[in-house]
Amino acid sequence: MSGIVFFLIPIAMLATAVILGVGIYSLAKGGSFNKKNGNKLMVWRVGAQAIAIALMMLFLALIGAK
């Protein structure tokens, strides 16, 4: 089980980084895309970040239980 979680952590971190990058780019560029999606991207980033942290905590709990 910890092996699966170990491989999901980088995926969650990459998703967080991609969402953050798109959000920063849209904020810097401005325009209608940022007005429509800026807040949504921030919420998605926080969600992806929470999933990544939860997976890290789960991984630490699994390897600590051995």
PDB file of N, CA and C in Angstrom:
ATOM      1  N   MET A   1       0.823  -1.205   0.000  1.00  0.00           N
ATOM      2  CA  MET A   1       0.000   0.000   0.000  1.00  0.00           C
ATOM      3  C   MET A   1       0.859   1.258   0.000  1.00  0.00           C
ATOM      4  N   SER A   2       1.949   1.235   0.793  1.00  0.00           N
ATOM      5  CA  SER A   2       2.785   2.433   0.853  1.00  0.00           C
ATOM      6  C   SER A   2       3.484   2.698  -0.478  1.00  0.00           C
ATOM      7  N   GLY A   3       3.686   1.630  -1.277  1.00  0.00           N
ATOM      8  CA  GLY A   3       4.296   1.817  -2.593  1.00  0.00           C
ATOM      9  C   GLY A   3       3.404   2.606  -3.528  1.00  0.00           C
ATOM     10  N   ILE A   4       2.102   2.334  -3.476  1.00  0.00           N
ATOM     11  CA  ILE A   4       1.151   3.066  -4.314  1.00  0.00           C
ATOM     12  C   ILE A   4       1.113   4.537  -3.904  1.00  0.00           C
ATOM     13  N   VAL A   5       1.057   4.766  -2.604  1.00  0.00           N
ATOM     14  CA  VAL A   5       1.012   6.140  -2.095  1.00  0.00           C
ATOM     15  C   VAL A   5       2.299   6.869  -2.461  1.00  0.00           C
ATOM     16  N   PHE A   6       3.432   6.140  -2.399  1.00  0.00           N
ATOM     17  CA  PHE A   6       4.727   6.742  -2.736  1.00  0.00           C
ATOM     18  C   PHE A   6       4.744   7.259  -4.173  1.00  0.00           C
ATOM     19  N   PHE A   7       4.068   6.568  -5.100  1.00  0.00           N
ATOM     20  CA  PHE A   7       4.031   7.013  -6.492  1.00  0.00           C
ATOM     21  C   PHE A   7       2.950   8.055  -6.751  1.00  0.00           C
ATOM     22  N   LEU A   8       1.945   8.140  -5.880  1.00  0.00           N
ATOM     23  CA  LEU A   8       0.906   9.160  -6.043  1.00  0.00           C
ATOM     24  C   LEU A   8       1.358  10.532  -5.557  1.00  0.00           C
ATOM     25  N   ILE A   9       2.298  10.564  -4.633  1.00  0.00           N
ATOM     26  CA  ILE A   9       2.772  11.844  -4.080  1.00  0.00           C
ATOM     27  C   ILE A   9       3.369  12.744  -5.164  1.00  0.00           C
ATOM     28  N   PRO A  10       4.308  12.266  -5.995  1.00  0.00           N
ATOM     29  CA  PRO A  10       4.841  13.161  -7.040  1.00  0.00           C
ATOM     30  C   PRO A  10       3.792  13.613  -8.046  1.00  0.00           C
ATOM     31  N   ILE A  11       2.808  12.754  -8.322  1.00  0.00           N
ATOM     32  CA  ILE A  11       1.741  13.139  -9.245  1.00  0.00           C
ATOM     33  C   ILE A  11       0.942  14.291  -8.657  1.00  0.00           C
ATOM     34  N   ALA A  12       0.613  14.194  -7.373  1.00  0.00           N
ATOM     35  CA  ALA A  12      -0.132  15.271  -6.712  1.00  0.00           C
ATOM     36  C   ALA A  12       0.701  16.550  -6.647  1.00  0.00           C
ATOM     37  N   MET A  13       1.995  16.406  -6.400  1.00  0.00           N
ATOM     38  CA  MET A  13       2.862  17.585  -6.356  1.00  0.00           C
ATOM     39  C   MET A  13       2.992  18.233  -7.733  1.00  0.00           C
ATOM     40  N   LEU A  14       3.075  17.415  -8.767  1.00  0.00           N
ATOM     41  CA  LEU A  14       3.155  17.949 -10.128  1.00  0.00           C
ATOM     42  C   LEU A  14       1.860  18.661 -10.507  1.00  0.00           C
ATOM     43  N   ALA A  15       0.720  18.077 -10.138  1.00  0.00           N
ATOM     44  CA  ALA A  15      -0.566  18.721 -10.409  1.00  0.00           C
ATOM     45  C   ALA A  15      -0.645  20.075  -9.714  1.00  0.00           C
ATOM     46  N   THR A  16      -0.173  20.133  -8.466  1.00  0.00           N
ATOM     47  CA  THR A  16      -0.163  21.393  -7.727  1.00  0.00           C
ATOM     48  C   THR A  16       0.709  22.426  -8.432  1.00  0.00           C
ATOM     49  N   ALA A  17       1.888  21.990  -8.875  1.00  0.00           N
ATOM     50  CA  ALA A  17       2.811  22.915  -9.548  1.00  0.00           C
ATOM     51  C   ALA A  17       2.242  23.416 -10.871  1.00  0.00           C
ATOM     52  N   VAL A  18       1.590  22.539 -11.622  1.00  0.00           N
ATOM     53  CA  VAL A  18       1.006  22.942 -12.903  1.00  0.00           C
ATOM     54  C   VAL A  18      -0.124  23.951 -12.687  1.00  0.00           C
ATOM     55  N   ILE A  19      -0.997  23.657 -11.731  1.00  0.00           N
ATOM     56  CA  ILE A  19      -2.098  24.581 -11.444  1.00  0.00           C
ATOM     57  C   ILE A  19      -1.562  25.921 -10.968  1.00  0.00           C
ATOM     58  N   LEU A  20      -0.528  25.890 -10.123  1.00  0.00           N
ATOM     59  CA  LEU A  20       0.095  27.134  -9.652  1.00  0.00           C
ATOM     60  C   LEU A  20       0.695  27.912 -10.814  1.00  0.00           C
ATOM     61  N   GLY A  21       1.376  27.206 -11.715  1.00  0.00           N
ATOM     62  CA  GLY A  21       1.982  27.871 -12.869  1.00  0.00           C
ATOM     63  C   GLY A  21       0.951  28.527 -13.774  1.00  0.00           C
ATOM     64  N   VAL A  22      -0.138  27.819 -14.030  1.00  0.00           N
ATOM     65  CA  VAL A  22      -1.203  28.388 -14.863  1.00  0.00           C
ATOM     66  C   VAL A  22      -1.814  29.599 -14.169  1.00  0.00           C
ATOM     67  N   GLY A  23      -1.993  29.502 -12.851  1.00  0.00           N
ATOM     68  CA  GLY A  23      -2.556  30.625 -12.107  1.00  0.00           C
ATOM     69  C   GLY A  23      -1.658  31.852 -12.121  1.00  0.00           C
ATOM     70  N   ILE A  24      -0.364  31.646 -11.939  1.00  0.00           N
ATOM     71  CA  ILE A  24       0.576  32.768 -11.965  1.00  0.00           C
ATOM     72  C   ILE A  24       0.634  33.388 -13.350  1.00  0.00           C
ATOM     73  N   TYR A  25       0.643  32.529 -14.384  1.00  0.00           N
ATOM     74  CA  TYR A  25       0.676  33.041 -15.754  1.00  0.00           C
ATOM     75  C   TYR A  25      -0.576  33.860 -16.071  1.00  0.00           C
ATOM     76  N   SER A  26      -1.733  33.346 -15.672  1.00  0.00           N
ATOM     77  CA  SER A  26      -2.965  34.079 -15.967  1.00  0.00           C
ATOM     78  C   SER A  26      -3.053  35.372 -15.174  1.00  0.00           C
ATOM     79  N   LEU A  27      -2.517  35.364 -13.953  1.00  0.00           N
ATOM     80  CA  LEU A  27      -2.508  36.589 -13.154  1.00  0.00           C
ATOM     81  C   LEU A  27      -1.593  37.639 -13.779  1.00  0.00           C
ATOM     82  N   ALA A  28      -0.429  37.196 -14.264  1.00  0.00           N
ATOM     83  CA  ALA A  28       0.513  38.136 -14.880  1.00  0.00           C
ATOM     84  C   ALA A  28      -0.022  38.680 -16.194  1.00  0.00           C
ATOM     85  N   LYS A  29      -0.690  37.826 -16.951  1.00  0.00           N
ATOM     86  CA  LYS A  29      -1.205  38.252 -18.244  1.00  0.00           C
ATOM     87  C   LYS A  29      -2.480  39.074 -18.105  1.00  0.00           C
ATOM     88  N   GLY A  30      -3.312  38.721 -17.113  1.00  0.00           N
ATOM     89  CA  GLY A  30      -4.572  39.444 -16.923  1.00  0.00           C
ATOM     90  C   GLY A  30      -5.590  39.052 -17.975  1.00  0.00           C
ATOM     91  N   GLY A  31      -6.556  39.899 -18.174  1.00  0.00           N
ATOM     92  CA  GLY A  31      -7.545  39.652 -19.213  1.00  0.00           C
ATOM     93  C   GLY A  31      -8.747  38.863 -18.733  1.00  0.00           C
ATOM     94  N   SER A  32      -9.536  38.428 -19.702  1.00  0.00           N
ATOM     95  CA  SER A  32     -10.799  37.776 -19.375  1.00  0.00           C
ATOM     96  C   SER A  32     -10.593  36.379 -18.788  1.00  0.00           C
ATOM     97  N   PHE A  33      -9.545  35.658 -19.222  1.00  0.00           N
ATOM     98  CA  PHE A  33      -9.302  34.329 -18.660  1.00  0.00           C
ATOM     99  C   PHE A  33      -9.045  34.415 -17.166  1.00  0.00           C
ATOM    100  N   ASN A  34      -8.248  35.385 -16.759  1.00  0.00           N
ATOM    101  CA  ASN A  34      -7.953  35.547 -15.337  1.00  0.00           C
ATOM    102  C   ASN A  34      -9.204  35.946 -14.562  1.00  0.00           C
ATOM    103  N   LYS A  35     -10.009  36.816 -15.131  1.00  0.00           N
ATOM    104  CA  LYS A  35     -11.224  37.237 -14.432  1.00  0.00           C
ATOM    105  C   LYS A  35     -12.195  36.078 -14.250  1.00  0.00           C
ATOM    106  N   LYS A  36     -12.280  35.200 -15.259  1.00  0.00           N
ATOM    107  CA  LYS A  36     -13.206  34.077 -15.181  1.00  0.00           C
ATOM    108  C   LYS A  36     -12.670  32.930 -14.331  1.00  0.00           C
ATOM    109  N   ASN A  37     -11.358  32.694 -14.363  1.00  0.00           N
ATOM    110  CA  ASN A  37     -10.807  31.476 -13.778  1.00  0.00           C
ATOM    111  C   ASN A  37      -9.788  31.680 -12.667  1.00  0.00           C
ATOM    112  N   GLY A  38      -9.458  32.902 -12.323  1.00  0.00           N
ATOM    113  CA  GLY A  38      -8.425  33.147 -11.318  1.00  0.00           C
ATOM    114  C   GLY A  38      -8.759  32.545  -9.965  1.00  0.00           C
ATOM    115  N   ASN A  39      -9.958  32.789  -9.479  1.00  0.00           N
ATOM    116  CA  ASN A  39     -10.345  32.271  -8.175  1.00  0.00           C
ATOM    117  C   ASN A  39     -10.500  30.751  -8.222  1.00  0.00           C
ATOM    118  N   LYS A  40     -11.019  30.228  -9.325  1.00  0.00           N
ATOM    119  CA  LYS A  40     -11.192  28.785  -9.482  1.00  0.00           C
ATOM    120  C   LYS A  40      -9.840  28.078  -9.461  1.00  0.00           C
ATOM    121  N   LEU A  41      -8.843  28.663 -10.120  1.00  0.00           N
ATOM    122  CA  LEU A  41      -7.503  28.074 -10.112  1.00  0.00           C
ATOM    123  C   LEU A  41      -6.910  28.070  -8.708  1.00  0.00           C
ATOM    124  N   MET A  42      -7.173  29.120  -7.939  1.00  0.00           N
ATOM    125  CA  MET A  42      -6.663  29.175  -6.576  1.00  0.00           C
ATOM    126  C   MET A  42      -7.294  28.078  -5.718  1.00  0.00           C
ATOM    127  N   VAL A  43      -8.587  27.864  -5.891  1.00  0.00           N
ATOM    128  CA  VAL A  43      -9.277  26.813  -5.136  1.00  0.00           C
ATOM    129  C   VAL A  43      -8.755  25.443  -5.549  1.00  0.00           C
ATOM    130  N   TRP A  44      -8.545  25.224  -6.833  1.00  0.00           N
ATOM    131  CA  TRP A  44      -8.005  23.943  -7.305  1.00  0.00           C
ATOM    132  C   TRP A  44      -6.604  23.709  -6.759  1.00  0.00           C
ATOM    133  N   ARG A  45      -5.783  24.772  -6.709  1.00  0.00           N
ATOM    134  CA  ARG A  45      -4.425  24.624  -6.187  1.00  0.00           C
ATOM    135  C   ARG A  45      -4.448  24.232  -4.726  1.00  0.00           C
ATOM    136  N   VAL A  46      -5.298  24.884  -3.952  1.00  0.00           N
ATOM    137  CA  VAL A  46      -5.392  24.550  -2.530  1.00  0.00           C
ATOM    138  C   VAL A  46      -5.858  23.108  -2.356  1.00  0.00           C
ATOM    139  N   GLY A  47      -6.804  22.674  -3.173  1.00  0.00           N
ATOM    140  CA  GLY A  47      -7.272  21.297  -3.102  1.00  0.00           C
ATOM    141  C   GLY A  47      -6.189  20.297  -3.469  1.00  0.00           C
ATOM    142  N   ALA A  48      -5.462  20.568  -4.541  1.00  0.00           N
ATOM    143  CA  ALA A  48      -4.377  19.676  -4.957  1.00  0.00           C
ATOM    144  C   ALA A  48      -3.269  19.651  -3.910  1.00  0.00           C
ATOM    145  N   GLN A  49      -2.998  20.786  -3.311  1.00  0.00           N
ATOM    146  CA  GLN A  49      -1.982  20.865  -2.270  1.00  0.00           C
ATOM    147  C   GLN A  49      -2.425  20.077  -1.038  1.00  0.00           C
ATOM    148  N   ALA A  50      -3.698  20.151  -0.683  1.00  0.00           N
ATOM    149  CA  ALA A  50      -4.216  19.400   0.463  1.00  0.00           C
ATOM    150  C   ALA A  50      -4.128  17.899   0.203  1.00  0.00           C
ATOM    151  N   ILE A  51      -4.419  17.485  -1.020  1.00  0.00           N
ATOM    152  CA  ILE A  51      -4.308  16.061  -1.362  1.00  0.00           C
ATOM    153  C   ILE A  51      -2.854  15.604  -1.270  1.00  0.00           C
ATOM    154  N   ALA A  52      -1.930  16.417  -1.760  1.00  0.00           N
ATOM    155  CA  ALA A  52      -0.512  16.058  -1.699  1.00  0.00           C
ATOM    156  C   ALA A  52      -0.045  15.924  -0.247  1.00  0.00           C
ATOM    157  N   ILE A  53      -0.455  16.843   0.600  1.00  0.00           N
ATOM    158  CA  ILE A  53      -0.055  16.790   2.006  1.00  0.00           C
ATOM    159  C   ILE A  53      -0.693  15.583   2.690  1.00  0.00           C
ATOM    160  N   ALA A  54      -1.955  15.303   2.377  1.00  0.00           N
ATOM    161  CA  ALA A  54      -2.628  14.140   2.964  1.00  0.00           C
ATOM    162  C   ALA A  54      -1.943  12.843   2.540  1.00  0.00           C
ATOM    163  N   LEU A  55      -1.530  12.756   1.275  1.00  0.00           N
ATOM    164  CA  LEU A  55      -0.808  11.572   0.819  1.00  0.00           C
ATOM    165  C   LEU A  55       0.531  11.426   1.526  1.00  0.00           C
ATOM    166  N   MET A  56       1.227  12.537   1.744  1.00  0.00           N
ATOM    167  CA  MET A  56       2.496  12.485   2.476  1.00  0.00           C
ATOM    168  C   MET A  56       2.294  11.999   3.904  1.00  0.00           C
ATOM    169  N   MET A  57       1.264  12.501   4.543  1.00  0.00           N
ATOM    170  CA  MET A  57       0.978  12.080   5.918  1.00  0.00           C
ATOM    171  C   MET A  57       0.583  10.604   5.958  1.00  0.00           C
ATOM    172  N   LEU A  58      -0.200  10.147   4.983  1.00  0.00           N
ATOM    173  CA  LEU A  58      -0.585   8.749   4.905  1.00  0.00           C
ATOM    174  C   LEU A  58       0.636   7.876   4.696  1.00  0.00           C
ATOM    175  N   PHE A  59       1.537   8.293   3.820  1.00  0.00           N
ATOM    176  CA  PHE A  59       2.758   7.549   3.561  1.00  0.00           C
ATOM    177  C   PHE A  59       3.591   7.441   4.838  1.00  0.00           C
ATOM    178  N   LEU A  60       3.754   8.543   5.559  1.00  0.00           N
ATOM    179  CA  LEU A  60       4.525   8.502   6.791  1.00  0.00           C
ATOM    180  C   LEU A  60       3.863   7.607   7.832  1.00  0.00           C
ATOM    181  N   ALA A  61       2.562   7.618   7.891  1.00  0.00           N
ATOM    182  CA  ALA A  61       1.854   6.743   8.832  1.00  0.00           C
ATOM    183  C   ALA A  61       2.030   5.279   8.459  1.00  0.00           C
ATOM    184  N   LEU A  62       2.004   4.989   7.166  1.00  0.00           N
ATOM    185  CA  LEU A  62       2.154   3.600   6.716  1.00  0.00           C
ATOM    186  C   LEU A  62       3.558   3.061   6.963  1.00  0.00           C
ATOM    187  N   ILE A  63       4.571   3.873   6.694  1.00  0.00           N
ATOM    188  CA  ILE A  63       5.931   3.374   6.922  1.00  0.00           C
ATOM    189  C   ILE A  63       6.290   3.388   8.407  1.00  0.00           C
ATOM    190  N   GLY A  64       5.632   4.227   9.187  1.00  0.00           N
ATOM    191  CA  GLY A  64       5.882   4.255  10.626  1.00  0.00           C
ATOM    192  C   GLY A  64       5.210   3.108  11.355  1.00  0.00           C
ATOM    193  N   ALA A  65       4.185   2.516  10.744  1.00  0.00           N
ATOM    194  CA  ALA A  65       3.441   1.419  11.379  1.00  0.00           C
ATOM    195  C   ALA A  65       4.178   0.091  11.237  1.00  0.00           C
ATOM    196  N   LYS A  66       5.198   0.032  10.400  1.00  0.00           N
ATOM    197  CA  LYS A  66       5.917  -1.237  10.173  1.00  0.00           C
ATOM    198  C   LYS A  66       6.876  -1.538  11.291  1.00  0.00           C
TER     199      LYS A  66
END
